[in-house]
Each structure stands twice: as structure tokens, then as C-alpha cells.
Amino acid sequence: MTRTTFTRVSSSRLRVLLIEDDECLASAVAGLLSDADYAVDVCEDGPSGSKAALSGDYELVILDLMLPRRNGFSVCSDIREAGLSVPIVVLTAKNGDLDEVECLELGADDFVRKPFDSTVLLARVNALMRRHGRGESRILSVGPVTLDPVRRRVTANNVEATLTPREFRLLEYLMERAEHVVQKSELLEQIWGTDFEGDPNVVEVYIGYLRRKLETPTQGLIRTVRGVGYQFTIAR
């Protein structure tokens, strides 16, 4: 198995597995994470990456889709079928929402398109680490709504709600900031990505989806702050 290790200085550093066959990009990402105090191992192809991930030694996996010998979709599937809840960030140069949907359905936690800004990638990695608490599930509960980010389950008033991957990410983002007003532009950037060129009104559309699936006639959960954004709150 080909694996490059960026030596740890402290045993308390979180371990990240980067599966990427582009040597220059892998070196740059590994250097970025190492500078941010993560310990990074790099694998160059699908089989070696899958084997390393299944060892269970990592708090995060960063996974390229187009890998030699076995693609990232298969590696992601291997990890989840083995019952591992380690967070997975997918990197890809491919365009199209279908790839993103497939990755999220297979169990990936985030999706970053190449080329990407290093600060954006690092921010998403840090957010996943906070959310998962080193890979352990941190249940979010606000009023009647409970969200499990690892098992990807949502219940509202003790009834399980079926959400699409995008709806799940939007709800999770709002619940993590419960009682705070989140700007529409922030939701577009964080949920749809900085390269999104579609209609910005897609945010309102997905807020409507969440309302129909979670709210009741007597209990609203997502408040529109006109001209600003949205607030997840149990108060009306």
C-alpha cells in the first residue's frame, strides 16, 4: 500500500486520511492540514485508500472521486458498509449535481469541487470535526426536531422525516445556528457552494420543502427575516 505520512508532533492531533492521486494537490492539501495541526496520511489510489480507511485509525477522510484502480464512489461505499461513521469530504473536478447527490446518498458528509480555495476546504474540515466530535455522533435537538448527523436521521414530534441530502444539510446548518438569523447568501455559499450559478431563489424553495416536512399547522420552526435570511426557532 502506498501511503505518505506527515509526521505528527503531538499525539493529540486529529488524524486525517487524504486519498488523492494528484501528487501536487495531495502535497498542498496535506501541507495545509498539517499547518492547521492535523496529522495527515496520503494514499494514492482506491484500494490502498479503502484499506487505510477501514483500519479505523482516522477522524476524517478526504476522498477524491477519480482514483486509479477503484473510484471514490466505491471507497465511500466500503467505509459506510463497514459501519464506520468517520466523516468523509469528497473532492472532485467533475461537474453536475448527480455526482454530489450520489456521494451524499452513499454517506459522504460534504462535497467540494476543484479548484477550491484552501481556506474554504479548511473551514469545512474544521466544521466537520466540531460537528462529529472526533467521529462520534453529536445529536442536535431544537424543540421538537432531533437530527443525528452520523446516522443521517431526522425526527419531528417523534415522527421520522425523510429528507434529501440537500435538505438534510440545510436543516443541519440552520439547527447548528438555532435562534440566530442566517443570511441567504451564507446559505447559498455553504450549502450550494461558492461556484453555484443557478437561481438564488433555490434557498426559498428548499426552506419551503423543510417547512412542509417538519412544521405543523400550529407550530412553525423556520422564521423568515425579510430582506436578511432565516432563523430556526421554536418561538413564533
Protein backbone atom coordinates (compact mmCIF):
# COMPACT_ATOMS: atom_id res chain seq x y z
CA MET A 1 0.00 0.00 0.00
CA THR A 2 1.39 3.40 -0.97
CA ARG A 3 0.98 5.87 1.84
CA THR A 4 2.81 9.07 2.70
CA THR A 5 2.78 10.16 6.33
CA PHE A 6 3.09 13.75 7.51
CA THR A 7 4.71 13.22 10.91
CA ARG A 8 2.75 14.13 13.97
CA VAL A 9 4.32 16.37 16.61
CA SER A 10 1.67 15.77 19.25
CA SER A 11 -0.28 12.58 19.94
CA SER A 12 -3.42 14.68 20.48
CA ARG A 13 -3.56 15.80 16.86
CA LEU A 14 -6.54 14.55 14.88
CA ARG A 15 -5.68 12.08 12.13
CA VAL A 16 -6.84 12.71 8.56
CA LEU A 17 -6.65 10.29 5.65
CA LEU A 18 -6.28 12.01 2.28
CA ILE A 19 -6.97 9.75 -0.73
CA GLU A 20 -5.78 11.68 -3.79
CA ASP A 21 -3.71 10.60 -6.80
CA ASP A 22 -2.65 14.09 -7.90
CA GLU A 23 0.72 14.37 -6.19
CA CYS A 24 0.89 18.18 -6.28
CA LEU A 25 -2.65 18.65 -4.96
CA ALA A 26 -2.16 15.97 -2.29
CA SER A 27 1.02 17.68 -1.10
CA ALA A 28 -0.68 21.07 -0.98
CA VAL A 29 -3.75 19.81 0.93
CA ALA A 30 -1.64 17.74 3.32
CA GLY A 31 0.58 20.74 3.99
CA LEU A 32 -2.46 22.94 4.62
CA LEU A 33 -3.90 20.48 7.13
CA SER A 34 -0.57 19.80 8.77
CA ASP A 35 -0.07 23.54 9.31
CA ALA A 36 -3.53 23.58 10.92
CA ASP A 37 -2.30 20.93 13.41
CA TYR A 38 -3.82 17.85 11.78
CA ALA A 39 -1.81 14.65 11.26
CA VAL A 40 -2.19 13.57 7.63
CA ASP A 41 -1.63 10.28 5.80
CA VAL A 42 -1.88 10.22 2.00
CA CYS A 43 -2.92 7.28 -0.20
CA GLU A 44 -2.63 7.44 -3.98
CA ASP A 45 -5.31 5.00 -5.22
CA GLY A 46 -8.66 3.47 -4.36
CA PRO A 47 -7.61 0.06 -2.98
CA SER A 48 -4.90 1.44 -0.69
CA GLY A 49 -7.18 4.27 0.44
CA SER A 50 -10.02 1.88 1.22
CA LYS A 51 -7.73 -0.40 3.21
CA ALA A 52 -6.35 2.51 5.23
CA ALA A 53 -9.82 3.96 5.89
CA LEU A 54 -11.16 0.60 7.08
CA SER A 55 -8.40 0.43 9.69
CA GLY A 56 -10.50 2.86 11.73
CA ASP A 57 -7.47 4.96 12.64
CA TYR A 58 -8.77 8.27 11.29
CA GLU A 59 -11.09 11.05 12.42
CA LEU A 60 -11.67 12.30 8.87
CA VAL A 61 -11.34 11.03 5.29
CA ILE A 62 -10.82 13.41 2.35
CA LEU A 63 -11.59 11.46 -0.80
CA ASP A 64 -11.04 12.19 -4.49
CA LEU A 65 -13.62 10.70 -6.86
CA MET A 66 -11.43 9.91 -9.86
CA LEU A 67 -8.87 7.49 -8.40
CA PRO A 68 -6.74 4.80 -10.06
CA ARG A 69 -7.88 1.17 -9.80
CA ARG A 70 -11.04 1.98 -7.80
CA ASN A 71 -13.09 5.17 -7.79
CA GLY A 72 -14.12 7.28 -4.83
CA PHE A 73 -17.75 6.17 -5.00
CA SER A 74 -16.66 2.60 -4.23
CA VAL A 75 -14.31 3.69 -1.44
CA CYS A 76 -17.06 5.75 0.19
CA SER A 77 -19.41 2.77 -0.06
CA ASP A 78 -16.77 0.48 1.52
CA ILE A 79 -16.43 2.79 4.51
CA ARG A 80 -20.14 3.06 5.20
CA GLU A 81 -20.88 -0.62 4.58
CA ALA A 82 -18.22 -1.42 7.20
CA GLY A 83 -20.27 0.58 9.71
CA LEU A 84 -17.69 3.34 10.15
CA SER A 85 -19.10 6.79 10.94
CA VAL A 86 -15.89 8.70 10.14
CA PRO A 87 -16.75 11.97 8.35
CA ILE A 88 -16.00 11.97 4.60
CA VAL A 89 -15.28 15.02 2.43
CA VAL A 90 -15.36 14.32 -1.31
CA LEU A 91 -13.14 16.28 -3.71
CA THR A 92 -13.85 16.25 -7.43
CA ALA A 93 -13.21 18.11 -10.65
CA LYS A 94 -16.41 16.68 -12.14
CA ASN A 95 -19.41 18.93 -12.71
CA GLY A 96 -23.03 18.08 -12.13
CA ASP A 97 -25.38 17.65 -9.19
CA LEU A 98 -25.86 13.93 -9.83
CA ASP A 99 -22.35 13.13 -8.59
CA GLU A 100 -22.93 15.18 -5.47
CA VAL A 101 -26.25 13.50 -4.78
CA GLU A 102 -24.75 10.03 -5.29
CA CYS A 103 -21.87 10.77 -2.91
CA LEU A 104 -24.19 12.11 -0.23
CA GLU A 105 -26.53 9.16 -0.64
CA LEU A 106 -23.55 6.81 -0.18
CA GLY A 107 -22.78 8.53 3.11
CA ALA A 108 -20.37 11.38 2.35
CA ASP A 109 -20.73 14.39 4.63
CA ASP A 110 -19.53 17.18 2.34
CA PHE A 111 -18.64 17.77 -1.30
CA VAL A 112 -16.01 20.25 -2.55
CA ARG A 113 -15.41 20.95 -6.23
CA LYS A 114 -11.95 21.53 -7.69
CA PRO A 115 -10.44 24.04 -7.96
CA PHE A 116 -11.22 25.22 -4.44
CA ASP A 117 -9.97 27.89 -2.09
CA SER A 118 -7.76 26.42 0.63
CA THR A 119 -9.47 28.49 3.33
CA VAL A 120 -12.88 27.09 2.31
CA LEU A 121 -11.64 23.50 2.49
CA LEU A 122 -10.03 24.07 5.88
CA ALA A 123 -13.19 25.74 7.21
CA ARG A 124 -15.29 22.76 6.13
CA VAL A 125 -12.84 20.30 7.68
CA ASN A 126 -12.89 22.21 10.95
CA ALA A 127 -16.69 22.35 10.90
CA LEU A 128 -16.95 18.59 10.41
CA MET A 129 -14.54 17.97 13.28
CA ARG A 130 -16.59 20.16 15.59
CA ARG A 131 -19.84 18.57 14.44
CA HIS A 132 -18.71 14.97 14.84
CA GLY A 133 -16.61 15.39 17.95
CA ARG A 134 -13.73 13.26 16.61
CA GLY A 135 -16.07 10.97 14.74
CA GLU A 136 -18.67 10.46 17.48
CA SER A 137 -22.28 11.33 16.86
CA ARG A 138 -23.43 14.67 18.31
CA ILE A 139 -27.21 14.75 18.27
CA LEU A 140 -28.77 18.13 17.54
CA SER A 141 -32.07 18.78 19.27
CA VAL A 142 -34.07 22.00 18.98
CA GLY A 143 -37.66 21.97 20.22
CA PRO A 144 -39.50 19.02 18.61
CA VAL A 145 -36.79 18.39 15.99
CA THR A 146 -33.87 15.99 16.50
CA LEU A 147 -31.09 15.47 13.95
CA ASP A 148 -28.44 12.74 14.05
CA PRO A 149 -25.57 13.80 11.70
CA VAL A 150 -23.90 10.37 11.65
CA ARG A 151 -26.96 8.17 11.12
CA ARG A 152 -28.48 10.95 8.99
CA ARG A 153 -31.85 10.70 10.69
CA VAL A 154 -34.31 13.49 11.46
CA THR A 155 -37.40 13.28 13.62
CA ALA A 156 -40.01 15.98 14.20
CA ASN A 157 -42.53 15.48 17.00
CA ASN A 158 -41.21 11.89 17.32
CA VAL A 159 -42.01 11.13 13.68
CA GLU A 160 -39.11 10.38 11.32
CA ALA A 161 -38.87 12.78 8.38
CA THR A 162 -37.44 11.73 5.02
CA LEU A 163 -35.09 14.42 3.72
CA THR A 164 -33.00 14.64 0.58
CA PRO A 165 -29.23 15.12 1.11
CA ARG A 166 -29.50 18.84 0.34
CA GLU A 167 -32.47 19.31 2.68
CA PHE A 168 -30.55 17.49 5.42
CA ARG A 169 -27.51 19.73 5.04
CA LEU A 170 -29.65 22.87 5.04
CA LEU A 171 -31.54 21.80 8.16
CA GLU A 172 -28.34 20.82 9.96
CA TYR A 173 -26.75 24.19 9.16
CA LEU A 174 -29.77 26.08 10.48
CA MET A 175 -30.08 23.94 13.61
CA GLU A 176 -26.41 24.43 14.46
CA ARG A 177 -27.17 28.16 14.47
CA ALA A 178 -30.57 27.93 16.15
CA GLU A 179 -32.01 31.27 17.28
CA HIS A 180 -29.51 33.14 15.07
CA VAL A 181 -30.53 34.72 11.79
CA VAL A 182 -28.57 33.17 8.91
CA GLN A 183 -28.21 35.25 5.78
CA LYS A 184 -29.50 33.86 2.50
CA SER A 185 -26.09 34.48 0.87
CA GLU A 186 -24.39 32.41 3.58
CA LEU A 187 -26.77 29.50 2.97
CA LEU A 188 -26.11 29.65 -0.77
CA GLU A 189 -22.34 29.58 -0.23
CA GLN A 190 -22.31 26.87 2.43
CA ILE A 191 -24.98 24.52 1.08
CA TRP A 192 -24.82 25.04 -2.68
CA GLY A 193 -21.15 26.07 -2.91
CA THR A 194 -19.25 29.17 -3.97
CA ASP A 195 -19.43 28.13 -7.64
CA PHE A 196 -23.24 27.88 -7.72
CA GLU A 197 -24.58 29.79 -10.73
CA GLY A 198 -28.26 28.90 -10.52
CA ASP A 199 -31.24 30.88 -9.28
CA PRO A 200 -30.58 32.18 -5.72
CA ASN A 201 -34.28 31.71 -5.02
CA VAL A 202 -33.47 27.99 -4.65
CA VAL A 203 -32.95 28.77 -0.95
CA GLU A 204 -36.61 29.78 -0.56
CA VAL A 205 -37.66 26.64 -2.44
CA TYR A 206 -35.74 24.35 -0.07
CA ILE A 207 -36.90 26.25 3.01
CA GLY A 208 -40.42 25.52 1.78
CA TYR A 209 -39.60 21.82 1.47
CA LEU A 210 -38.35 21.73 5.07
CA ARG A 211 -41.40 23.58 6.36
CA ARG A 212 -43.76 21.12 4.71
CA LYS A 213 -41.87 18.13 6.14
CA LEU A 214 -41.26 19.42 9.67
CA GLU A 215 -43.81 22.04 10.65
CA THR A 216 -47.40 21.59 11.74
CA PRO A 217 -50.35 23.99 11.32
CA THR A 218 -49.88 25.12 14.93
CA GLN A 219 -46.10 25.09 15.16
CA GLY A 220 -43.69 26.87 12.86
CA LEU A 221 -39.94 26.28 13.06
CA ILE A 222 -38.20 28.34 10.39
CA ARG A 223 -38.81 32.08 10.53
CA THR A 224 -38.23 34.31 7.52
CA VAL A 225 -36.44 37.55 8.37
CA ARG A 226 -37.44 39.66 5.41
CA GLY A 227 -34.50 41.04 3.45
CA VAL A 228 -31.97 39.14 5.58
CA GLY A 229 -32.40 35.40 5.81
CA TYR A 230 -33.81 32.66 8.04
CA GLN A 231 -33.88 31.69 11.69
CA PHE A 232 -34.50 28.22 13.12
CA THR A 233 -36.53 28.82 16.26
CA ILE A 234 -39.33 27.18 18.21
CA ALA A 235 -40.83 30.56 19.03
CA ARG A 236 -43.30 32.42 16.81
